[in-house]
Amino acid sequence: MRMSSCNKKKMPILITLFINAVYFLTLFLHMQQMCLANNWSAFAVEAGTVKSVDNSQQTTNNHSIYKLQDENGHAVFPSSVIRIKNDLYFLGPECLWWCLGAKTQINGEDILILREIEAPRAGEVKVSWQEANDFVYLPQRESIAVIDKSGDIFEYLLSDASNKHWQVRRANSSKLGPPDPDYVAACEMNDGILLLDPERNQIWFQSDKFPNLEALLPGVLSWKLKPGDINITDAISIAYYKGQIYVLKKSGALSKYGVKYGAGHRSGSPANISCQPQGQVYLNRPNHFRPSRLYASAGGIYVVERENNRVLKTSPQSGGLSVFVFPGECDLRGLVRSGDGFWIISADHFLYRDKNSEASPPTKVNTLSLDKRLSGLILPVAGQSLPGHPGVYPGARRLYRYGVHNGLDMFNQPGARIHILTGTPVRAVCSGQITRIDLNYKDMNYATYSKVIRECFQAHQTSPKNADLLRGCQVWIDSDDGLITKYAHLLAANGDLHVGSPVKQGETIGYIGVSGTGENLPGRARYPHLHFEIWLDGKYLGYGLTPAETMSLFGDIFPARNK
């Protein structure tokens, strides 16, 4: 087919127009990206100079509040944040987020746009990421280390900008024997990682030189403690700054430790580093103090109270106290210092406070708003109280199966009016309808149980199928509003009930046993307890929270008077 002379003349013009269109589209996208980057640069600079126009700080014209969204406009709810030079990185249970920059809305909130950095996928690394708990920045290695709730440590390398990728820094192992280590919080020290482990009464140090853990404390186990022994079994958070390690306890006590290096430490010899107690940091704690997180920096020591929507700032030298109060609808999580103030995560927002927004003690506490569906619940075992250590709460590691605990284990508690024995009644914590009940349940035999545990070890995780087997005899209750409660390890379910039966709060639904635990095997029947789960909108209660935050939440749901 021949082309007419007219069409021949039009072709160069069309090609030119096409090339120009591609050029201007590329330029436009580049300018958009530069706009985000420039906005973030301005955000990073103004963070140190932003001033309050009122005590609430709920204004956007001075950029004291930003909404957190992903690139598709969906809200992001991170648990923690770190600042690396002029970049912000946020941590979520399932991924990292990198802040692209700030976007100003004409008739709405200012927004920080976050780009998802996918967690390492199966096949890329030898173990699977299972719900992140904490993260730290390692400046010399130019990497981010993420500690997940199963105890594995992953590392995201930033040093090669064109080839950022994940690797397993350390896979958890069960070589120490019971109790298993449980890393409830972490921080960076001298390009290594400090891991707070209240279960083994220990602070661990892990560096790239030594993949194994170095113990910094004597580590006397809780049942062997004597007066005068170092006791951090109720510790919830840890921070490090200029040679000092700070450990925050659930009671609000703040301990300080000096770091001591042995003569052979620089030569690469392990076990030449330890902590030396240096007393308590005086903290003029206000009434109803409920700490959840700790941060140390040149600007002082910051303590976040998620349950009280409050941040305290103190100086180890002067002992002065500053108090920052937030509204009751906030949800305070990770904090990063900036200028003469700090930024803090509140649900899907990022808020700024500086010295101009300090409150004068005594201050009114704005308690965290509790989901209405969780109000009025009762404990599933009458006469019991909540446990006092994080190892039996949702989110704790379960190293024997390389998994994450989804529920609360209820054993006998000191001072309980009713002892937990095999056959102790289990009651419904709320009204609802039975959606699962294992009547005529038959437990695993030794061969099946061994096969399940072997599969968990080989996969370095617990599959949903094996997790269900290990829960044993179960009853599930659906309250028809996104709230589901699950009761596991039962000796037997109440034979008068069936799937579809309505149950009232307090009604007996089963009896405590050891099913699914391996403890029912011949000659090994011991440790009867209830495994109890609360699920909200498809997530177990405690998902995305730190152990300290989870314990506080359960304390609000089940106050001491509600037994």
Protein backbone atom coordinates (compact mmCIF):
# COMPACT_ATOMS: atom_id res chain seq x y z
CA MET A 1 0.00 0.00 0.00
CA ARG A 2 1.43 3.35 -1.03
CA MET A 3 1.46 6.37 1.31
CA SER A 4 0.24 9.65 -0.15
CA SER A 5 2.60 12.63 -0.28
CA CYS A 6 0.29 14.45 2.14
CA ASN A 7 0.59 11.67 4.73
CA LYS A 8 4.35 11.60 4.23
CA LYS A 9 4.52 15.30 5.17
CA LYS A 10 2.37 14.75 8.28
CA MET A 11 4.51 11.93 9.68
CA PRO A 12 7.47 14.06 10.94
CA ILE A 13 5.02 16.46 12.59
CA LEU A 14 3.23 13.62 14.38
CA ILE A 15 6.52 12.10 15.53
CA THR A 16 7.65 15.47 16.86
CA LEU A 17 4.39 15.97 18.72
CA PHE A 18 4.64 12.49 20.21
CA ILE A 19 8.22 13.07 21.39
CA ASN A 20 7.27 16.42 22.90
CA ALA A 21 4.30 14.85 24.70
CA VAL A 22 6.51 12.13 26.19
CA TYR A 23 9.10 14.73 27.22
CA PHE A 24 6.58 16.99 28.96
CA LEU A 25 4.89 14.02 30.68
CA THR A 26 8.27 12.86 31.99
CA LEU A 27 9.09 16.40 33.10
CA PHE A 28 5.73 16.70 34.84
CA LEU A 29 6.19 13.44 36.77
CA HIS A 30 9.72 14.50 37.71
CA MET A 31 8.45 17.86 38.97
CA GLN A 32 5.77 16.10 41.01
CA GLN A 33 8.41 13.89 42.62
CA MET A 34 10.65 16.92 43.22
CA CYS A 35 7.71 18.76 44.73
CA LEU A 36 7.23 15.95 47.26
CA ALA A 37 10.94 15.86 47.99
CA ASN A 38 11.13 19.64 48.40
CA ASN A 39 8.06 19.65 50.61
CA TRP A 40 9.67 16.98 52.79
CA SER A 41 12.92 18.97 52.95
CA ALA A 42 10.90 21.96 54.13
CA PHE A 43 9.09 19.70 56.61
CA ALA A 44 12.41 18.40 57.95
CA VAL A 45 13.73 21.94 58.41
CA GLU A 46 10.59 23.42 59.88
CA ALA A 47 10.31 20.59 62.39
CA GLY A 48 12.85 22.42 64.51
CA THR A 49 11.28 25.85 64.14
CA VAL A 50 7.52 25.22 64.07
CA LYS A 51 5.72 27.24 66.72
CA SER A 52 2.45 26.61 68.45
CA VAL A 53 -0.46 28.95 67.85
CA ASP A 54 -2.61 27.32 70.52
CA ASN A 55 -2.32 24.66 73.18
CA SER A 56 -4.12 21.99 71.16
CA GLN A 57 -1.74 22.19 68.17
CA GLN A 58 -4.63 20.98 66.02
CA THR A 59 -3.82 23.37 63.17
CA THR A 60 -2.35 22.64 59.78
CA ASN A 61 -1.22 26.07 58.70
CA ASN A 62 1.90 25.73 60.86
CA HIS A 63 2.34 22.08 59.84
CA SER A 64 2.07 20.66 63.35
CA ILE A 65 -0.09 17.76 62.19
CA TYR A 66 0.07 15.52 59.14
CA LYS A 67 -2.13 12.66 58.04
CA LEU A 68 -0.25 9.50 57.02
CA GLN A 69 -1.27 7.96 53.70
CA ASP A 70 0.20 5.57 51.17
CA GLU A 71 0.62 6.42 47.49
CA ASN A 72 -2.92 5.24 46.77
CA GLY A 73 -4.48 7.54 49.35
CA HIS A 74 -5.13 4.85 51.98
CA ALA A 75 -4.54 5.64 55.65
CA VAL A 76 -1.39 4.14 57.21
CA PHE A 77 -1.24 3.16 60.89
CA PRO A 78 2.45 2.64 61.79
CA SER A 79 3.68 1.56 65.20
CA SER A 80 7.06 3.31 65.30
CA VAL A 81 9.29 5.80 63.49
CA ILE A 82 13.01 6.52 63.09
CA ARG A 83 14.80 9.42 61.44
CA ILE A 84 17.77 8.71 59.18
CA LYS A 85 19.46 11.95 58.11
CA ASN A 86 16.60 13.78 56.34
CA ASP A 87 14.46 10.71 55.82
CA LEU A 88 11.72 9.23 57.94
CA TYR A 89 11.03 5.49 58.08
CA PHE A 90 7.90 4.07 59.68
CA LEU A 91 7.34 0.52 60.89
CA GLY A 92 4.13 -1.44 60.44
CA PRO A 93 3.38 -5.02 61.49
CA GLU A 94 3.78 -6.24 57.91
CA CYS A 95 6.19 -3.83 56.22
CA LEU A 96 8.42 -0.74 56.36
CA TRP A 97 7.32 2.63 55.07
CA TRP A 98 9.56 5.35 53.61
CA CYS A 99 8.33 8.95 53.65
CA LEU A 100 8.33 10.39 50.13
CA GLY A 101 7.40 13.88 51.28
CA ALA A 102 4.65 16.24 52.35
CA LYS A 103 1.64 17.22 50.31
CA THR A 104 -0.44 20.27 51.16
CA GLN A 105 -4.18 20.03 50.68
CA ILE A 106 -6.06 23.21 49.79
CA ASN A 107 -9.25 22.27 51.66
CA GLY A 108 -8.08 19.50 53.93
CA GLU A 109 -5.30 18.06 56.05
CA ASP A 110 -1.65 18.20 55.15
CA ILE A 111 -0.43 14.74 54.22
CA LEU A 112 2.78 12.74 54.44
CA ILE A 113 2.99 10.29 51.57
CA LEU A 114 4.52 6.94 52.56
CA ARG A 115 5.88 4.35 50.15
CA GLU A 116 5.67 0.73 51.20
CA ILE A 117 8.88 -1.28 51.41
CA GLU A 118 7.66 -4.84 51.22
CA ALA A 119 8.76 -7.28 53.89
CA PRO A 120 11.02 -10.07 52.66
CA ARG A 121 8.97 -12.70 50.87
CA ALA A 122 9.24 -16.45 51.24
CA GLY A 123 12.10 -17.70 49.09
CA GLU A 124 14.00 -14.39 49.23
CA VAL A 125 15.31 -15.11 52.72
CA LYS A 126 15.55 -18.32 54.70
CA VAL A 127 12.96 -17.45 57.37
CA SER A 128 9.66 -15.59 57.18
CA TRP A 129 8.85 -12.19 58.68
CA GLN A 130 6.11 -12.65 61.31
CA GLU A 131 4.68 -9.33 62.53
CA ALA A 132 7.30 -6.70 63.33
CA ASN A 133 7.70 -5.52 66.92
CA ASP A 134 10.53 -2.94 66.85
CA PHE A 135 13.28 -1.55 64.62
CA VAL A 136 16.59 0.32 64.90
CA TYR A 137 18.96 2.17 62.57
CA LEU A 138 22.56 0.96 62.39
CA PRO A 139 24.51 3.99 61.09
CA GLN A 140 27.86 2.38 60.34
CA ARG A 141 26.23 -0.40 58.36
CA GLU A 142 23.67 1.99 56.86
CA SER A 143 20.90 -0.47 57.51
CA ILE A 144 17.61 -0.88 59.36
CA ALA A 145 17.21 -3.91 61.63
CA VAL A 146 13.67 -5.17 62.27
CA ILE A 147 12.90 -7.48 65.20
CA ASP A 148 9.74 -9.49 64.65
CA LYS A 149 7.57 -11.00 67.36
CA SER A 150 8.89 -14.51 66.80
CA GLY A 151 12.39 -13.26 67.73
CA ASP A 152 13.97 -13.21 64.27
CA ILE A 153 16.00 -10.16 63.20
CA PHE A 154 15.87 -8.92 59.59
CA GLU A 155 18.09 -6.26 58.05
CA TYR A 156 17.26 -3.83 55.24
CA LEU A 157 20.43 -2.51 53.60
CA LEU A 158 20.42 1.17 52.64
CA SER A 159 24.11 1.51 51.66
CA ASP A 160 23.56 0.60 48.01
CA ALA A 161 20.83 2.96 46.83
CA SER A 162 20.35 1.03 43.58
CA ASN A 163 20.07 -2.36 45.27
CA LYS A 164 18.32 -2.03 48.61
CA HIS A 165 17.41 -5.49 49.82
CA TRP A 166 16.63 -7.66 52.82
CA GLN A 167 18.70 -10.26 54.58
CA VAL A 168 18.28 -12.33 57.76
CA ARG A 169 20.54 -10.84 60.38
CA ARG A 170 19.79 -13.50 62.98
CA ALA A 171 17.26 -16.32 63.12
CA ASN A 172 15.98 -17.07 66.61
CA SER A 173 16.79 -20.44 68.16
CA SER A 174 15.66 -22.38 71.22
CA LYS A 175 19.12 -23.40 72.46
CA LEU A 176 18.92 -21.54 75.78
CA GLY A 177 16.22 -23.73 77.26
CA PRO A 178 13.10 -22.55 79.11
CA PRO A 179 12.05 -19.87 79.46
CA ASP A 180 12.55 -18.82 75.86
CA PRO A 181 13.98 -15.34 75.30
CA ASP A 182 11.32 -12.73 74.50
CA TYR A 183 12.56 -9.47 72.98
CA VAL A 184 9.95 -6.91 74.00
CA ALA A 185 11.95 -3.84 72.86
CA ALA A 186 15.21 -2.91 71.12
CA CYS A 187 17.57 0.02 70.54
CA GLU A 188 20.87 0.71 68.79
CA MET A 189 24.22 0.74 70.64
CA ASN A 190 27.58 1.18 68.90
CA ASP A 191 26.19 -0.18 65.63
CA GLY A 192 24.81 -3.24 67.39
CA ILE A 193 21.38 -4.05 68.80
CA LEU A 194 20.34 -4.11 72.45
CA LEU A 195 17.45 -6.51 73.06
CA LEU A 196 15.35 -6.25 76.23
CA ASP A 197 14.30 -9.69 77.49
CA PRO A 198 12.25 -9.65 80.75
CA GLU A 199 11.46 -13.38 80.44
CA ARG A 200 15.11 -14.30 81.02
CA ASN A 201 15.85 -11.17 83.10
CA GLN A 202 18.44 -10.19 80.52
CA ILE A 203 19.72 -7.51 78.15
CA TRP A 204 21.27 -9.04 75.03
CA PHE A 205 23.71 -7.45 72.60
CA GLN A 206 23.83 -8.57 68.98
CA SER A 207 26.29 -7.22 66.41
CA ASP A 208 27.32 -8.11 62.88
CA LYS A 209 30.61 -9.51 64.25
CA PHE A 210 28.84 -12.06 66.43
CA PRO A 211 25.53 -13.53 65.25
CA ASN A 212 25.05 -15.13 68.66
CA LEU A 213 23.79 -13.06 71.57
CA GLU A 214 26.05 -11.57 74.24
CA ALA A 215 24.50 -11.41 77.73
CA LEU A 216 25.11 -8.08 79.50
CA LEU A 217 23.52 -8.99 82.86
CA PRO A 218 23.91 -12.00 85.21
CA GLY A 219 20.47 -13.09 84.00
CA VAL A 220 19.20 -14.69 87.21
CA LEU A 221 15.88 -16.29 86.30
CA SER A 222 12.79 -14.92 88.05
CA TRP A 223 12.22 -17.92 90.34
CA LYS A 224 15.85 -17.76 91.54
CA LEU A 225 16.01 -14.04 92.32
CA LYS A 226 17.36 -12.99 95.70
CA PRO A 227 17.37 -9.55 97.37
CA GLY A 228 20.01 -7.40 95.70
CA ASP A 229 19.91 -9.22 92.34
CA ILE A 230 19.32 -7.17 89.19
CA ASN A 231 15.65 -7.54 88.36
CA ILE A 232 14.23 -6.37 85.02
CA THR A 233 11.50 -9.01 84.79
CA ASP A 234 8.90 -6.22 84.64
CA ALA A 235 10.84 -4.05 82.15
CA ILE A 236 8.96 -2.79 79.09
CA SER A 237 11.32 -0.52 77.11
CA ILE A 238 15.01 0.25 76.61
CA ALA A 239 17.07 3.19 75.29
CA TYR A 240 20.76 4.03 74.87
CA TYR A 241 22.59 7.34 74.70
CA LYS A 242 26.30 8.13 75.02
CA GLY A 243 27.44 5.14 77.05
CA GLN A 244 24.31 4.85 79.19
CA ILE A 245 21.61 2.21 78.94
CA TYR A 246 18.19 3.16 80.33
CA VAL A 247 15.59 0.53 81.23
CA LEU A 248 11.96 1.49 81.90
CA LYS A 249 9.80 -0.73 84.10
CA LYS A 250 6.04 -1.12 84.02
CA SER A 251 5.89 0.52 87.45
CA GLY A 252 7.52 3.64 85.96
CA ALA A 253 10.92 3.11 87.63
CA LEU A 254 13.78 4.11 85.37
CA SER A 255 17.14 2.36 85.86
CA LYS A 256 20.50 3.40 84.43
CA TYR A 257 23.41 1.12 83.50
CA GLY A 258 26.94 1.85 82.40
CA VAL A 259 28.52 -0.23 79.64
CA LYS A 260 31.78 -1.96 80.51
CA TYR A 261 34.05 -3.51 77.89
CA GLY A 262 36.57 -6.24 78.61
CA ALA A 263 40.18 -6.07 77.47
CA GLY A 264 39.66 -8.40 74.53
CA HIS A 265 36.46 -6.90 73.15
CA ARG A 266 38.11 -4.84 70.41
CA SER A 267 40.05 -7.88 69.23
CA GLY A 268 36.77 -9.54 68.35
CA SER A 269 36.51 -11.79 71.37
CA PRO A 270 32.90 -12.29 72.51
CA ALA A 271 31.59 -12.13 76.07
CA ASN A 272 33.66 -9.06 76.96
CA ILE A 273 30.85 -6.58 77.42
CA SER A 274 28.59 -6.13 80.43
CA CYS A 275 26.23 -3.69 82.18
CA GLN A 276 27.05 -2.08 85.50
CA PRO A 277 24.09 -0.74 87.55
CA GLN A 278 24.28 3.02 88.17
CA GLY A 279 21.12 3.51 90.17
CA GLN A 280 17.75 5.01 89.37
CA VAL A 281 16.99 8.08 87.28
CA TYR A 282 14.77 10.34 89.32
CA LEU A 283 11.45 10.78 87.54
CA ASN A 284 8.82 12.90 89.22
CA ARG A 285 6.02 10.63 88.12
CA PRO A 286 2.54 12.16 87.98
CA ASN A 287 -0.53 10.36 89.29
CA HIS A 288 -1.79 7.30 87.41
CA PHE A 289 1.50 6.98 85.52
CA ARG A 290 1.27 4.28 82.81
CA PRO A 291 4.42 4.23 80.65
CA SER A 292 4.65 2.36 77.35
CA ARG A 293 7.80 3.55 75.49
CA LEU A 294 11.18 5.11 76.26
CA TYR A 295 13.50 7.31 74.17
CA ALA A 296 16.87 8.88 75.09
CA SER A 297 18.61 11.69 73.19
CA ALA A 298 20.58 14.88 73.58
CA GLY A 299 17.31 16.66 74.34
CA GLY A 300 16.56 14.46 77.34
CA ILE A 301 14.64 11.30 78.12
CA TYR A 302 11.11 10.94 76.76
CA VAL A 303 8.50 8.54 78.17
CA VAL A 304 5.32 7.90 76.18
CA GLU A 305 2.10 7.02 78.01
CA ARG A 306 -0.21 5.59 75.37
CA GLU A 307 -3.02 4.85 77.83
CA ASN A 308 -2.90 8.40 79.23
CA ASN A 309 -2.25 10.24 75.94
CA ARG A 310 0.70 11.94 77.56
CA VAL A 311 4.46 12.35 77.02
CA LEU A 312 6.92 13.12 79.82
CA LYS A 313 10.34 14.62 79.24
CA THR A 314 13.05 14.63 81.89
CA SER A 315 16.75 15.38 82.16
CA PRO A 316 19.01 12.87 83.98
CA GLN A 317 21.18 15.80 85.09
CA SER A 318 18.66 18.37 86.32
CA GLY A 319 15.70 16.09 87.05
CA GLY A 320 13.34 18.69 85.57
CA LEU A 321 10.04 17.42 84.18
CA SER A 322 8.03 18.58 81.19
CA VAL A 323 4.55 17.22 80.47
CA PHE A 324 2.79 17.16 77.09
CA VAL A 325 -0.92 16.30 77.14
CA PHE A 326 -2.81 15.03 74.09
CA PRO A 327 -6.57 14.69 73.46
CA GLY A 328 -8.41 11.51 74.42
CA GLU A 329 -8.98 10.44 70.81
CA CYS A 330 -5.22 10.16 70.19
CA ASP A 331 -3.29 6.89 70.09
CA LEU A 332 0.35 7.68 70.88
CA ARG A 333 2.98 5.31 69.54
CA GLY A 334 6.54 5.93 68.22
CA LEU A 335 8.40 9.20 68.83
CA VAL A 336 11.31 10.98 67.11
CA ARG A 337 13.06 14.10 68.42
CA SER A 338 13.33 17.19 66.22
CA GLY A 339 14.51 20.72 66.98
CA ASP A 340 13.39 21.72 70.46
CA GLY A 341 10.46 19.31 70.34
CA PHE A 342 9.38 15.96 68.98
CA TRP A 343 7.11 14.30 66.44
CA ILE A 344 4.91 11.42 67.54
CA ILE A 345 2.63 8.93 65.80
CA SER A 346 -1.04 9.04 66.76
CA ALA A 347 -2.97 6.34 64.87
CA ASP A 348 -2.78 7.54 61.22
CA HIS A 349 -1.43 11.01 62.08
CA PHE A 350 1.98 12.52 62.82
CA LEU A 351 1.92 15.29 65.46
CA TYR A 352 4.49 17.88 66.54
CA ARG A 353 5.00 19.33 70.03
CA ASP A 354 7.59 21.74 71.32
CA LYS A 355 8.38 23.51 74.60
CA ASN A 356 5.63 26.06 73.93
CA SER A 357 2.99 23.35 74.33
CA GLU A 358 4.11 22.04 77.73
CA ALA A 359 1.41 21.62 80.38
CA SER A 360 1.81 22.69 83.97
CA PRO A 361 1.65 19.80 86.48
CA PRO A 362 -0.67 18.61 87.84
CA THR A 363 -2.40 17.97 84.54
CA LYS A 364 -5.64 16.30 83.62
CA VAL A 365 -5.20 12.87 82.06
CA ASN A 366 -7.05 12.14 78.83
CA THR A 367 -7.28 8.36 78.89
CA LEU A 368 -7.14 6.38 75.67
CA SER A 369 -10.58 5.73 74.24
CA LEU A 370 -11.50 2.04 74.52
CA ASP A 371 -13.36 0.34 71.68
CA LYS A 372 -16.98 0.12 72.83
CA ARG A 373 -17.12 -3.56 71.84
CA LEU A 374 -14.54 -4.31 74.53
CA SER A 375 -16.44 -2.63 77.33
CA GLY A 376 -18.10 -4.80 79.96
CA LEU A 377 -16.22 -8.03 79.20
CA ILE A 378 -15.47 -10.41 82.06
CA LEU A 379 -12.52 -12.76 82.50
CA PRO A 380 -13.20 -16.29 81.22
CA VAL A 381 -12.15 -17.90 84.52
CA ALA A 382 -13.98 -16.67 87.61
CA GLY A 383 -11.90 -15.61 90.61
CA GLN A 384 -8.71 -15.12 88.58
CA SER A 385 -6.74 -11.98 87.70
CA LEU A 386 -4.53 -10.95 84.79
CA PRO A 387 -0.94 -12.28 84.66
CA GLY A 388 1.89 -9.83 85.32
CA HIS A 389 4.46 -10.75 82.65
CA PRO A 390 4.34 -10.39 78.86
CA GLY A 391 5.27 -13.99 77.96
CA VAL A 392 1.67 -15.23 78.29
CA TYR A 393 0.00 -12.31 76.46
CA PRO A 394 -0.88 -11.96 72.77
CA GLY A 395 2.16 -11.11 70.65
CA ALA A 396 4.65 -13.13 72.70
CA ARG A 397 6.99 -15.52 70.87
CA ARG A 398 6.29 -19.24 70.87
CA LEU A 399 9.74 -20.56 70.10
CA TYR A 400 8.89 -24.25 70.40
CA ARG A 401 6.90 -23.82 67.17
CA TYR A 402 8.57 -20.65 65.80
CA GLY A 403 5.33 -18.71 65.97
CA VAL A 404 3.56 -15.75 67.55
CA HIS A 405 1.06 -16.15 70.40
CA ASN A 406 -2.43 -14.91 69.51
CA GLY A 407 -4.03 -15.15 72.94
CA LEU A 408 -3.75 -14.90 76.71
CA ASP A 409 -2.70 -17.95 78.73
CA MET A 410 -4.42 -18.14 82.09
CA PHE A 411 -2.65 -20.19 84.76
CA ASN A 412 -3.08 -19.81 88.52
CA GLN A 413 -2.38 -16.27 89.69
CA PRO A 414 -1.17 -15.34 93.20
CA GLY A 415 -4.12 -14.57 95.48
CA ALA A 416 -6.70 -16.11 93.15
CA ARG A 417 -9.95 -17.17 94.80
CA ILE A 418 -10.33 -20.14 92.44
CA HIS A 419 -7.46 -22.42 91.47
CA ILE A 420 -7.09 -23.47 87.85
CA LEU A 421 -7.20 -27.25 87.68
CA THR A 422 -8.13 -29.76 85.01
CA GLY A 423 -11.90 -29.43 84.68
CA THR A 424 -12.20 -25.83 85.97
CA PRO A 425 -15.23 -24.21 84.23
CA VAL A 426 -14.65 -21.67 81.45
CA ARG A 427 -17.30 -18.98 80.99
CA ALA A 428 -18.24 -16.79 78.03
CA VAL A 429 -16.72 -13.33 78.39
CA CYS A 430 -19.59 -11.83 76.38
CA SER A 431 -22.87 -12.86 74.82
CA GLY A 432 -23.02 -14.20 71.29
CA GLN A 433 -23.53 -17.26 69.14
CA ILE A 434 -21.46 -20.45 68.98
CA THR A 435 -19.71 -20.71 65.59
CA ARG A 436 -17.39 -23.58 66.51
CA ILE A 437 -17.53 -26.17 69.27
CA ASP A 438 -15.37 -29.29 69.32
CA LEU A 439 -17.75 -31.89 70.73
CA ASN A 440 -16.43 -35.46 70.98
CA TYR A 441 -12.92 -34.05 70.52
CA LYS A 442 -10.03 -36.51 70.15
CA ASP A 443 -6.56 -35.11 70.87
CA MET A 444 -3.37 -35.74 68.89
CA ASN A 445 -1.28 -38.79 69.74
CA TYR A 446 2.49 -38.66 70.21
CA ALA A 447 3.26 -39.35 66.54
CA THR A 448 0.93 -36.62 65.27
CA TYR A 449 2.16 -34.06 67.80
CA SER A 450 5.81 -34.81 66.93
CA LYS A 451 5.03 -34.46 63.21
CA VAL A 452 3.39 -31.05 63.78
CA ILE A 453 6.35 -29.73 65.79
CA ARG A 454 8.80 -31.10 63.21
CA GLU A 455 6.94 -29.28 60.43
CA CYS A 456 7.09 -26.03 62.44
CA PHE A 457 10.85 -26.38 62.87
CA GLN A 458 11.43 -27.18 59.21
CA ALA A 459 9.36 -24.18 58.05
CA HIS A 460 10.55 -21.89 60.91
CA GLN A 461 6.93 -20.86 61.38
CA THR A 462 3.54 -22.30 62.32
CA SER A 463 1.12 -22.90 59.48
CA PRO A 464 -2.57 -22.05 60.10
CA LYS A 465 -3.38 -25.76 60.00
CA ASN A 466 -0.80 -26.65 62.64
CA ALA A 467 -1.73 -23.64 64.78
CA ASP A 468 -5.30 -24.94 64.84
CA LEU A 469 -4.16 -28.43 65.86
CA LEU A 470 -2.01 -26.97 68.65
CA ARG A 471 -4.99 -25.06 70.09
CA GLY A 472 -6.67 -28.40 70.81
CA CYS A 473 -10.32 -28.55 71.82
CA GLN A 474 -11.94 -25.18 71.11
CA VAL A 475 -15.10 -23.09 71.39
CA TRP A 476 -15.64 -19.91 69.33
CA ILE A 477 -18.26 -17.24 70.05
CA ASP A 478 -19.26 -14.55 67.54
CA SER A 479 -20.82 -11.41 69.00
CA ASP A 480 -21.98 -10.34 65.51
CA ASP A 481 -20.21 -6.96 65.59
CA GLY A 482 -16.70 -7.91 64.48
CA LEU A 483 -15.87 -9.30 67.94
CA ILE A 484 -15.00 -13.00 68.17
CA THR A 485 -13.69 -14.79 71.26
CA LYS A 486 -11.91 -18.16 71.16
CA TYR A 487 -11.29 -20.60 74.03
CA ALA A 488 -8.66 -23.32 73.55
CA HIS A 489 -6.78 -26.25 75.21
CA LEU A 490 -10.11 -27.36 76.71
CA LEU A 491 -10.56 -30.72 78.34
CA ALA A 492 -14.04 -30.75 76.83
CA ALA A 493 -16.74 -28.40 75.58
CA ASN A 494 -20.15 -28.04 77.21
CA GLY A 495 -22.18 -30.88 75.70
CA ASP A 496 -25.44 -28.94 76.02
CA LEU A 497 -24.25 -26.46 73.36
CA HIS A 498 -23.85 -26.78 69.59
CA VAL A 499 -23.02 -24.62 66.58
CA GLY A 500 -25.68 -21.90 66.40
CA SER A 501 -26.50 -21.96 70.12
CA PRO A 502 -26.92 -18.52 71.69
CA VAL A 503 -24.86 -18.03 74.84
CA LYS A 504 -25.07 -15.38 77.51
CA GLN A 505 -22.15 -13.69 79.23
CA GLY A 506 -20.97 -15.85 82.15
CA GLU A 507 -22.45 -19.08 80.81
CA THR A 508 -20.20 -22.16 81.06
CA ILE A 509 -18.97 -23.16 77.60
CA GLY A 510 -16.26 -25.72 78.49
CA TYR A 511 -13.67 -26.96 80.95
CA ILE A 512 -9.94 -26.28 81.27
CA GLY A 513 -7.51 -28.93 80.09
CA VAL A 514 -4.23 -29.36 78.19
CA SER A 515 -5.45 -30.49 74.77
CA GLY A 516 -3.22 -29.63 71.83
CA THR A 517 -0.23 -28.84 74.03
CA GLY A 518 1.50 -32.21 74.04
CA GLU A 519 1.10 -32.28 77.82
CA ASN A 520 -1.76 -34.78 77.57
CA LEU A 521 0.58 -37.50 76.34
CA PRO A 522 0.99 -40.56 78.61
CA GLY A 523 2.95 -39.64 81.72
CA ARG A 524 3.10 -35.93 80.77
CA ALA A 525 -0.30 -34.52 81.71
CA ARG A 526 0.49 -31.24 83.50
CA TYR A 527 0.11 -27.44 83.38
CA PRO A 528 -3.66 -27.14 82.77
CA HIS A 529 -4.51 -23.64 81.54
CA LEU A 530 -6.86 -21.72 79.29
CA HIS A 531 -5.68 -20.17 76.03
CA PHE A 532 -8.07 -17.29 75.35
CA GLU A 533 -8.17 -15.09 72.22
CA ILE A 534 -10.03 -11.88 71.38
CA TRP A 535 -10.38 -11.01 67.69
CA LEU A 536 -11.55 -7.63 66.39
CA ASP A 537 -12.30 -7.12 62.71
CA GLY A 538 -10.13 -10.05 61.66
CA LYS A 539 -7.05 -9.27 63.81
CA TYR A 540 -6.16 -10.74 67.19
CA LEU A 541 -6.21 -8.20 70.00
CA GLY A 542 -2.60 -7.11 70.42
CA TYR A 543 -1.76 -7.21 66.72
CA GLY A 544 0.52 -4.28 65.89
CA LEU A 545 1.02 -3.38 69.56
CA THR A 546 4.13 -3.73 71.69
CA PRO A 547 3.96 -6.16 74.64
CA ALA A 548 3.66 -3.23 77.08
CA GLU A 549 0.80 -1.71 75.08
CA THR A 550 -0.97 -5.08 74.91
CA MET A 551 -0.73 -5.62 78.66
CA SER A 552 -2.10 -2.14 79.34
CA LEU A 553 -4.99 -2.71 76.95
CA PHE A 554 -5.96 -5.96 78.67
CA GLY A 555 -5.72 -4.14 82.00
CA ASP A 556 -8.27 -1.60 80.76
CA ILE A 557 -10.61 -4.30 79.46
CA PHE A 558 -10.39 -6.43 82.60
CA PRO A 559 -9.84 -4.11 85.58
CA ALA A 560 -9.05 -5.69 88.94
CA ARG A 561 -12.65 -5.33 90.14
CA ASN A 562 -13.92 -7.24 87.09
CA LYS A 563 -13.17 -10.84 88.07
